[in-house]
Amino acid sequence: MNRLLIITIFLTLALQTAQGQKKPGEKMPDTAVEAVLQAPRPEISSWNDLKGKWLLIEFWATWCAPCITNIPILNRLDEEMSGDNIQFISLTTEAPEIVTRFLKRKPISGWVGMDLDGSTMKALNVRFYPTTILVNPDGFVHAHLKAKTLTRDTLLKIMEVPAPSQNHAEREVITELQLTQKLAQSSNKSGKLSLKEKKSGTDEVKPLYEVAIWPTPRTTGASGMYGKKIGRLSVKGITLRQLMLEAYGVSPFLVVGNDDLLDSTYNARVSLPRGDVEVFERTLQAAITDKLKVKIGKEFREVTLYELTAPEGVTRQLLISEQEKGKASSDEGVIAGVGQKIDGHLLSAMEDVLKSKIIDKTGLAGKYDFNLYWDADDPESLIPALQEQLGLTLTRKTLEMEVLVVDNL
């Protein structure tokens, strides 16, 4: 599982106006969209062709779970604003056959455009999914929005704001959403760890080894960047139980001990030479035992868990992937991926939902594309959903397994 990619997607959800994107007041690019579904015309030869209407453009992908959770919100807005002068366009770089297959299960009511060469995405410098922009009838970027929080009233109020000046030094229009984003960006700057060596006029050399762990108040969940293969970890609010996965490669659900200790939260930062996972884990292990004053051992115990099987083999919904690069993500009630192994993101995301270890007994060794939906308010609903949608079965088992035992010194 490409955790670096997945976590990066989630970190950007609250920062839709990413550095370098087209700012409000800048003209839409003169690029084409090669294919458009559910529209009067099969393509958009230039964004100038759509002048005269407001455009709400959502950049998305079939493997992007947060994008998928936005779909019903945008569908509702499209219906509610059918009498307003606005066109909803969902834009992706994926192939038409992939998108068409997806739409059979998850319809999108607006236009669906395929930016096959990525020209519009590149011109607008969109680097993350989902990204939502509002374009005014004159063909200028009007605002960067967060689709998950949009309502018709909010959108109409934003549309009533005077068009942003093309001279940013003269005037900059800031909506309530944008102000929230700017504050978030400002608060992140002071604590941000850059992966690139900062340039300066001094001869200061960045240390080859850096490991830091310090307590932090309990939060709603860990957030940050995970990149064990590149020797990097920068995460806030991670529990000691979760940290065991980074340090020992052990599922959090195979870590036992005092719950108060294991659920204590920390910020962690690791910067080590790239490409040596063993050195990364060994160094982090030493830091945990030394700085957190804990002892860690291994022993065999009976563990209640789930076994994942595939009674029908590969089903129509669990598709053999043709994607070269694997991508995956999760959100409330959605797990999505392309080019993924069964024991990758799908399995680990289900473990997070069910709060239990899952053992892969499917015998499926290939890479697959999938979309899995369930009721986010009922974690157990994932089990029948998995059977119905992907043909995979979860069965409760009690097995003797090696676990990691963590205790205070």
Protein backbone atom coordinates (compact mmCIF):
# COMPACT_ATOMS: atom_id res chain seq x y z
CA MET A 1 0.00 0.00 0.00
CA ASN A 2 1.29 3.43 -0.93
CA ARG A 3 0.67 5.09 2.43
CA LEU A 4 2.54 8.23 1.42
CA LEU A 5 0.08 8.84 -1.42
CA ILE A 6 -2.98 8.02 0.67
CA ILE A 7 -2.05 10.24 3.62
CA THR A 8 -1.08 13.09 1.30
CA ILE A 9 -4.57 12.99 -0.23
CA PHE A 10 -6.22 13.31 3.19
CA LEU A 11 -3.92 16.11 4.35
CA THR A 12 -4.96 18.26 1.41
CA LEU A 13 -8.71 17.97 1.88
CA ALA A 14 -8.86 21.03 4.14
CA LEU A 15 -6.42 23.02 2.00
CA GLN A 16 -8.13 23.18 -1.35
CA THR A 17 -6.23 26.31 -2.43
CA ALA A 18 -2.87 24.55 -2.68
CA GLN A 19 0.21 26.63 -3.26
CA GLY A 20 0.73 27.26 -6.97
CA GLN A 21 -2.86 26.71 -8.09
CA LYS A 22 -4.62 29.28 -10.23
CA LYS A 23 -5.81 31.98 -7.85
CA PRO A 24 -9.21 33.68 -7.91
CA GLY A 25 -9.15 36.29 -10.65
CA GLU A 26 -6.95 34.32 -13.05
CA LYS A 27 -8.23 33.23 -16.46
CA MET A 28 -9.16 29.64 -17.22
CA PRO A 29 -6.62 27.95 -19.54
CA ASP A 30 -7.23 27.58 -23.25
CA THR A 31 -7.12 23.77 -23.07
CA ALA A 32 -9.37 21.01 -24.37
CA VAL A 33 -11.26 18.18 -22.68
CA GLU A 34 -11.14 15.24 -25.05
CA ALA A 35 -14.33 13.46 -23.97
CA VAL A 36 -17.43 14.58 -22.10
CA LEU A 37 -20.18 12.22 -20.96
CA GLN A 38 -23.78 13.24 -20.27
CA ALA A 39 -23.37 16.53 -22.17
CA PRO A 40 -24.82 17.98 -25.41
CA ARG A 41 -21.35 17.99 -26.94
CA PRO A 42 -18.84 15.10 -26.86
CA GLU A 43 -15.87 17.32 -26.03
CA ILE A 44 -14.84 20.75 -24.78
CA SER A 45 -12.49 22.18 -27.38
CA SER A 46 -11.72 25.15 -25.16
CA TRP A 47 -12.96 26.43 -21.81
CA ASN A 48 -13.74 29.67 -23.63
CA ASP A 49 -16.61 27.78 -25.32
CA LEU A 50 -18.44 27.62 -21.97
CA LYS A 51 -18.37 31.34 -21.21
CA GLY A 52 -21.68 32.80 -20.10
CA LYS A 53 -22.29 30.18 -17.40
CA TRP A 54 -20.94 29.57 -13.95
CA LEU A 55 -18.92 26.35 -13.84
CA LEU A 56 -18.32 24.24 -10.75
CA ILE A 57 -15.45 21.92 -11.66
CA GLU A 58 -14.59 18.96 -9.44
CA PHE A 59 -11.29 17.19 -10.13
CA TRP A 60 -11.74 13.56 -9.08
CA ALA A 61 -10.79 9.92 -9.68
CA THR A 62 -12.55 6.57 -9.30
CA TRP A 63 -9.94 5.47 -6.70
CA CYS A 64 -10.32 8.65 -4.61
CA ALA A 65 -12.63 7.86 -1.67
CA PRO A 66 -13.08 11.52 -0.55
CA CYS A 67 -14.07 12.32 -4.14
CA ILE A 68 -16.69 9.58 -4.03
CA THR A 69 -18.17 10.91 -0.77
CA ASN A 70 -18.54 14.28 -2.55
CA ILE A 71 -20.63 12.76 -5.38
CA PRO A 72 -24.04 12.72 -3.58
CA ILE A 73 -23.40 16.26 -2.32
CA LEU A 74 -22.67 17.54 -5.83
CA ASN A 75 -25.57 15.54 -7.28
CA ARG A 76 -27.93 17.17 -4.79
CA LEU A 77 -26.57 20.63 -5.60
CA ASP A 78 -26.91 19.95 -9.32
CA GLU A 79 -30.57 19.09 -8.82
CA GLU A 80 -31.28 22.01 -6.47
CA MET A 81 -29.61 24.50 -8.84
CA SER A 82 -31.11 23.22 -12.08
CA GLY A 83 -32.78 26.61 -12.57
CA ASP A 84 -29.60 28.59 -11.87
CA ASN A 85 -27.04 29.58 -14.45
CA ILE A 86 -24.45 26.99 -13.40
CA GLN A 87 -23.02 23.80 -14.91
CA PHE A 88 -21.47 21.05 -12.76
CA ILE A 89 -18.51 19.27 -14.36
CA SER A 90 -16.59 16.36 -12.82
CA LEU A 91 -13.17 16.15 -14.46
CA THR A 92 -10.80 13.17 -14.38
CA THR A 93 -7.70 11.99 -16.22
CA GLU A 94 -8.90 8.37 -16.24
CA ALA A 95 -9.93 6.54 -19.41
CA PRO A 96 -13.60 6.66 -20.54
CA GLU A 97 -14.08 2.88 -20.15
CA ILE A 98 -12.97 3.05 -16.50
CA VAL A 99 -15.22 6.01 -15.77
CA THR A 100 -18.22 4.52 -17.62
CA ARG A 101 -17.91 1.31 -15.63
CA PHE A 102 -17.75 3.31 -12.39
CA LEU A 103 -20.82 5.42 -13.26
CA LYS A 104 -22.98 2.32 -13.60
CA ARG A 105 -22.66 1.82 -9.86
CA LYS A 106 -22.20 5.42 -8.72
CA PRO A 107 -24.00 7.88 -11.05
CA ILE A 108 -22.88 11.50 -11.38
CA SER A 109 -25.69 13.82 -12.46
CA GLY A 110 -23.61 16.60 -14.04
CA TRP A 111 -21.23 16.45 -16.99
CA VAL A 112 -18.30 14.04 -16.65
CA GLY A 113 -15.20 15.14 -18.52
CA MET A 114 -12.09 13.14 -19.37
CA ASP A 115 -9.00 15.36 -19.35
CA LEU A 116 -7.04 12.49 -20.89
CA ASP A 117 -3.76 14.34 -21.42
CA GLY A 118 -4.09 16.15 -18.08
CA SER A 119 -3.72 19.52 -19.83
CA THR A 120 -6.40 21.31 -17.81
CA MET A 121 -5.21 19.79 -14.56
CA LYS A 122 -1.63 20.86 -15.33
CA ALA A 123 -2.63 24.34 -16.47
CA LEU A 124 -4.55 24.90 -13.22
CA ASN A 125 -1.74 23.22 -11.27
CA VAL A 126 -4.19 20.86 -9.58
CA ARG A 127 -2.11 18.31 -7.71
CA PHE A 128 -4.57 16.66 -5.35
CA TYR A 129 -8.00 15.03 -5.42
CA PRO A 130 -10.60 16.21 -4.76
CA THR A 131 -10.10 19.82 -5.85
CA THR A 132 -13.14 22.01 -6.46
CA ILE A 133 -13.07 25.35 -8.26
CA LEU A 134 -15.78 27.82 -9.23
CA VAL A 135 -15.41 29.64 -12.56
CA ASN A 136 -17.43 32.78 -13.31
CA PRO A 137 -19.31 33.44 -16.56
CA ASP A 138 -16.41 35.57 -17.86
CA GLY A 139 -14.12 32.54 -17.72
CA PHE A 140 -12.09 33.47 -14.64
CA VAL A 141 -11.42 31.37 -11.53
CA HIS A 142 -13.78 32.82 -8.92
CA ALA A 143 -13.10 30.67 -5.83
CA HIS A 144 -11.57 27.46 -4.51
CA LEU A 145 -14.15 25.53 -2.53
CA LYS A 146 -14.55 22.52 -0.26
CA ALA A 147 -17.36 20.48 -1.81
CA LYS A 148 -18.10 18.52 1.35
CA THR A 149 -19.41 21.65 3.11
CA LEU A 150 -21.23 23.25 0.16
CA THR A 151 -24.93 24.12 0.17
CA ARG A 152 -26.98 25.96 -2.44
CA ASP A 153 -27.25 29.04 -0.21
CA THR A 154 -23.51 29.10 0.44
CA LEU A 155 -22.70 28.73 -3.24
CA LEU A 156 -25.14 31.47 -4.27
CA LYS A 157 -23.61 33.84 -1.71
CA ILE A 158 -20.13 33.14 -3.05
CA MET A 159 -21.39 33.76 -6.59
CA GLU A 160 -22.78 37.14 -5.47
CA VAL A 161 -19.36 38.31 -4.28
CA PRO A 162 -17.83 40.75 -6.81
CA ALA A 163 -15.46 39.08 -9.26
CA PRO A 164 -11.87 38.93 -7.92
CA SER A 165 -9.57 41.54 -9.40
CA GLN A 166 -7.06 40.32 -11.96
CA ASN A 167 -4.57 42.55 -10.13
CA HIS A 168 -4.00 40.69 -6.88
CA ALA A 169 -1.95 43.54 -5.44
CA GLU A 170 -4.98 45.82 -5.91
CA ARG A 171 -7.63 43.56 -4.37
CA GLU A 172 -8.21 39.99 -3.26
CA VAL A 173 -11.69 38.64 -2.51
CA ILE A 174 -11.74 36.19 0.38
CA THR A 175 -14.78 34.04 1.09
CA GLU A 176 -15.43 32.50 4.49
CA LEU A 177 -14.19 29.14 3.21
CA GLN A 178 -11.02 30.65 1.80
CA LEU A 179 -10.35 32.50 5.06
CA THR A 180 -10.59 29.21 6.96
CA GLN A 181 -8.17 27.65 4.48
CA LYS A 182 -5.73 30.54 4.80
CA LEU A 183 -5.76 30.26 8.60
CA ALA A 184 -5.13 26.53 8.33
CA GLN A 185 -2.24 27.13 5.95
CA SER A 186 -0.79 29.77 8.26
CA SER A 187 -0.97 27.51 11.32
CA ASN A 188 0.70 24.66 9.42
CA LYS A 189 3.72 26.69 8.30
CA SER A 190 5.42 26.91 11.70
CA GLY A 191 5.31 23.19 12.39
CA LYS A 192 5.80 21.86 8.90
CA LEU A 193 8.71 19.52 8.25
CA SER A 194 10.03 19.90 4.72
CA LEU A 195 11.34 16.81 2.95
CA LYS A 196 13.64 18.99 0.88
CA GLU A 197 16.82 20.45 2.24
CA LYS A 198 16.23 24.18 2.77
CA LYS A 199 18.50 26.51 0.86
CA SER A 200 20.28 29.16 2.87
CA GLY A 201 23.30 31.39 2.75
CA THR A 202 25.04 29.37 5.42
CA ASP A 203 26.92 26.08 5.27
CA GLU A 204 24.43 24.43 7.58
CA VAL A 205 24.04 20.74 6.77
CA LYS A 206 20.84 18.88 7.46
CA PRO A 207 21.47 15.93 9.86
CA LEU A 208 21.49 12.48 8.29
CA TYR A 209 19.67 11.01 11.29
CA GLU A 210 16.85 12.71 13.16
CA VAL A 211 14.34 11.01 15.45
CA ALA A 212 11.93 12.84 17.74
CA ILE A 213 8.92 11.59 19.75
CA TRP A 214 7.00 13.75 22.20
CA PRO A 215 3.61 13.47 23.99
CA THR A 216 0.61 15.39 22.66
CA PRO A 217 -3.00 15.71 23.86
CA ARG A 218 -5.33 13.04 22.51
CA THR A 219 -6.81 13.92 19.13
CA THR A 220 -9.51 12.49 16.88
CA GLY A 221 -6.95 10.65 14.77
CA ALA A 222 -3.40 10.59 13.46
CA SER A 223 -2.49 12.80 10.51
CA GLY A 224 0.75 13.25 8.65
CA MET A 225 3.13 11.62 6.25
CA TYR A 226 4.31 8.02 6.30
CA GLY A 227 7.20 6.96 4.09
CA LYS A 228 9.19 4.15 5.62
CA LYS A 229 10.89 3.32 2.31
CA ILE A 230 12.12 6.89 1.91
CA GLY A 231 13.17 7.15 5.56
CA ARG A 232 10.56 9.73 6.51
CA LEU A 233 7.85 9.98 9.14
CA SER A 234 6.11 13.17 10.20
CA VAL A 235 2.87 12.51 12.05
CA LYS A 236 0.77 14.16 14.76
CA GLY A 237 -1.57 12.44 17.21
CA ILE A 238 -0.38 8.87 16.59
CA THR A 239 -1.06 6.37 19.35
CA LEU A 240 1.66 4.13 20.75
CA ARG A 241 -0.35 1.18 19.39
CA GLN A 242 -0.24 2.66 15.87
CA LEU A 243 3.44 3.55 16.23
CA MET A 244 4.20 -0.16 16.61
CA LEU A 245 3.25 -0.64 12.95
CA GLU A 246 5.93 1.83 11.87
CA ALA A 247 8.56 0.51 14.25
CA TYR A 248 7.92 -3.26 14.10
CA GLY A 249 5.69 -3.79 11.06
CA VAL A 250 3.08 -5.32 13.38
CA SER A 251 -0.63 -4.67 12.97
CA PRO A 252 -2.00 -2.44 15.78
CA PHE A 253 -4.53 -5.22 16.38
CA LEU A 254 -1.73 -7.63 17.32
CA VAL A 255 -0.34 -5.28 19.98
CA VAL A 256 -1.44 -6.02 23.55
CA GLY A 257 -0.89 -4.38 26.90
CA ASN A 258 -2.34 -1.65 29.09
CA ASP A 259 -4.91 0.22 26.96
CA ASP A 260 -4.17 3.59 28.59
CA LEU A 261 -0.51 3.18 27.67
CA LEU A 262 -1.17 1.93 24.14
CA ASP A 263 -3.73 4.65 23.41
CA SER A 264 -1.51 7.50 24.63
CA THR A 265 -0.78 9.88 21.76
CA TYR A 266 2.43 11.38 20.41
CA ASN A 267 3.89 13.48 17.67
CA ALA A 268 6.72 11.75 15.86
CA ARG A 269 9.32 12.89 13.35
CA VAL A 270 11.91 10.67 11.70
CA SER A 271 14.40 11.62 8.99
CA LEU A 272 16.82 8.88 7.95
CA PRO A 273 18.72 7.84 4.82
CA ARG A 274 16.42 6.68 2.05
CA GLY A 275 15.82 3.07 1.13
CA ASP A 276 16.67 1.05 4.25
CA VAL A 277 13.49 -0.05 6.03
CA GLU A 278 15.44 -2.18 8.52
CA VAL A 279 17.50 0.80 9.70
CA PHE A 280 14.33 2.92 9.92
CA GLU A 281 12.54 0.36 12.10
CA ARG A 282 15.55 -0.39 14.29
CA THR A 283 16.18 3.32 14.94
CA LEU A 284 12.54 4.01 15.76
CA GLN A 285 12.40 0.98 18.05
CA ALA A 286 15.37 2.28 20.03
CA ALA A 287 13.78 5.72 20.33
CA ILE A 288 10.49 4.29 21.60
CA THR A 289 12.01 2.09 24.29
CA ASP A 290 14.52 4.76 25.37
CA LYS A 291 12.35 7.90 25.32
CA LEU A 292 8.96 6.43 26.24
CA LYS A 293 10.37 4.07 28.87
CA VAL A 294 8.53 0.96 27.75
CA LYS A 295 9.54 -2.66 27.39
CA ILE A 296 8.48 -4.67 24.36
CA GLY A 297 8.40 -8.43 23.93
CA LYS A 298 6.80 -11.11 21.77
CA GLU A 299 4.71 -14.09 22.77
CA PHE A 300 1.98 -16.36 21.38
CA ARG A 301 -1.60 -15.77 22.47
CA GLU A 302 -5.10 -16.62 21.30
CA VAL A 303 -6.43 -13.80 19.13
CA THR A 304 -9.96 -13.29 17.83
CA LEU A 305 -9.80 -11.99 14.27
CA TYR A 306 -11.29 -12.26 10.79
CA GLU A 307 -10.28 -14.48 7.89
CA LEU A 308 -10.80 -13.06 4.41
CA THR A 309 -11.72 -15.60 1.72
CA ALA A 310 -12.86 -15.48 -1.91
CA PRO A 311 -15.41 -18.32 -2.42
CA GLU A 312 -16.16 -17.19 -5.99
CA GLY A 313 -12.65 -16.14 -6.94
CA VAL A 314 -12.39 -12.91 -8.94
CA THR A 315 -15.85 -11.37 -9.40
CA ARG A 316 -17.07 -8.74 -11.86
CA GLN A 317 -16.85 -6.04 -9.19
CA LEU A 318 -13.35 -7.07 -8.11
CA LEU A 319 -11.68 -6.38 -11.42
CA ILE A 320 -8.23 -7.49 -12.55
CA SER A 321 -6.38 -4.21 -12.85
CA GLU A 322 -4.79 -2.79 -15.97
CA GLN A 323 -3.35 0.17 -14.06
CA GLU A 324 0.43 0.51 -13.96
CA LYS A 325 0.49 2.54 -10.76
CA GLY A 326 -1.47 1.51 -7.71
CA LYS A 327 -3.57 4.18 -6.00
CA ALA A 328 -6.04 3.91 -3.13
CA SER A 329 -7.78 5.89 -0.43
CA SER A 330 -10.51 5.69 2.20
CA ASP A 331 -13.20 7.95 3.59
CA GLU A 332 -16.36 7.53 5.66
CA GLY A 333 -18.21 4.59 4.16
CA VAL A 334 -15.89 4.21 1.15
CA ILE A 335 -12.75 2.23 0.29
CA ALA A 336 -11.51 2.66 -3.28
CA GLY A 337 -8.44 1.61 -5.22
CA VAL A 338 -6.88 0.71 -8.55
CA GLY A 339 -3.87 -1.56 -9.08
CA GLN A 340 -4.08 -2.88 -5.52
CA LYS A 341 -3.21 -6.22 -3.97
CA ILE A 342 -5.85 -7.75 -1.71
CA ASP A 343 -3.52 -7.64 1.29
CA GLY A 344 -2.75 -3.95 0.68
CA HIS A 345 -4.98 -0.96 1.30
CA LEU A 346 -8.27 -2.86 1.10
CA LEU A 347 -7.30 -5.17 3.96
CA SER A 348 -5.73 -2.50 6.18
CA ALA A 349 -8.64 -0.10 5.66
CA MET A 350 -11.11 -2.82 6.63
CA GLU A 351 -9.04 -3.51 9.75
CA ASP A 352 -9.37 0.15 10.70
CA VAL A 353 -13.15 -0.01 10.27
CA LEU A 354 -13.69 -3.30 12.14
CA LYS A 355 -10.93 -2.68 14.72
CA SER A 356 -9.66 -6.21 14.23
CA LYS A 357 -6.82 -8.09 12.59
CA ILE A 358 -7.73 -9.60 9.20
CA ILE A 359 -5.79 -12.50 7.62
CA ASP A 360 -5.84 -12.81 3.85
CA LYS A 361 -6.86 -16.35 2.86
CA THR A 362 -8.25 -15.45 -0.57
CA GLY A 363 -5.38 -16.91 -2.58
CA LEU A 364 -5.76 -13.96 -4.97
CA ALA A 365 -2.24 -12.83 -5.85
CA GLY A 366 -2.93 -10.28 -8.58
CA LYS A 367 -3.72 -6.56 -8.54
CA TYR A 368 -7.30 -5.35 -8.64
CA ASP A 369 -9.58 -2.34 -9.02
CA PHE A 370 -12.44 -1.99 -6.52
CA ASN A 371 -14.96 0.33 -4.88
CA LEU A 372 -16.55 -0.72 -1.61
CA TYR A 373 -19.43 1.14 0.09
CA TRP A 374 -21.07 0.58 3.48
CA ASP A 375 -22.89 2.48 6.22
CA ALA A 376 -20.23 4.55 7.99
CA ASP A 377 -22.43 4.68 11.13
CA ASP A 378 -22.53 0.87 11.30
CA PRO A 379 -19.04 -0.67 10.94
CA GLU A 380 -20.45 -4.21 10.94
CA SER A 381 -22.36 -3.37 7.74
CA LEU A 382 -19.02 -3.60 5.94
CA ILE A 383 -19.15 -7.41 6.22
CA PRO A 384 -22.33 -8.04 4.15
CA ALA A 385 -21.36 -5.15 1.83
CA LEU A 386 -18.05 -6.84 1.10
CA GLN A 387 -19.81 -10.10 0.23
CA GLU A 388 -22.46 -8.46 -1.92
CA GLN A 389 -20.22 -5.98 -3.76
CA LEU A 390 -16.87 -7.78 -4.14
CA GLY A 391 -17.72 -11.44 -3.48
CA LEU A 392 -15.29 -11.62 -0.53
CA THR A 393 -16.18 -13.15 2.82
CA LEU A 394 -15.08 -12.28 6.35
CA THR A 395 -15.35 -15.07 8.93
CA ARG A 396 -14.68 -14.68 12.66
CA LYS A 397 -11.91 -16.97 13.97
CA THR A 398 -9.87 -17.50 17.13
CA LEU A 399 -6.26 -18.43 16.41
CA GLU A 400 -3.00 -18.62 18.31
CA MET A 401 -0.72 -15.91 16.94
CA GLU A 402 2.43 -14.05 17.85
CA VAL A 403 1.62 -10.69 19.42
CA LEU A 404 3.68 -7.72 20.56
CA VAL A 405 3.42 -7.14 24.32
CA VAL A 406 4.03 -3.56 25.47
CA ASP A 407 4.37 -2.52 29.12
CA ASN A 408 5.94 0.20 31.26
CA LEU A 409 9.47 -0.34 32.49
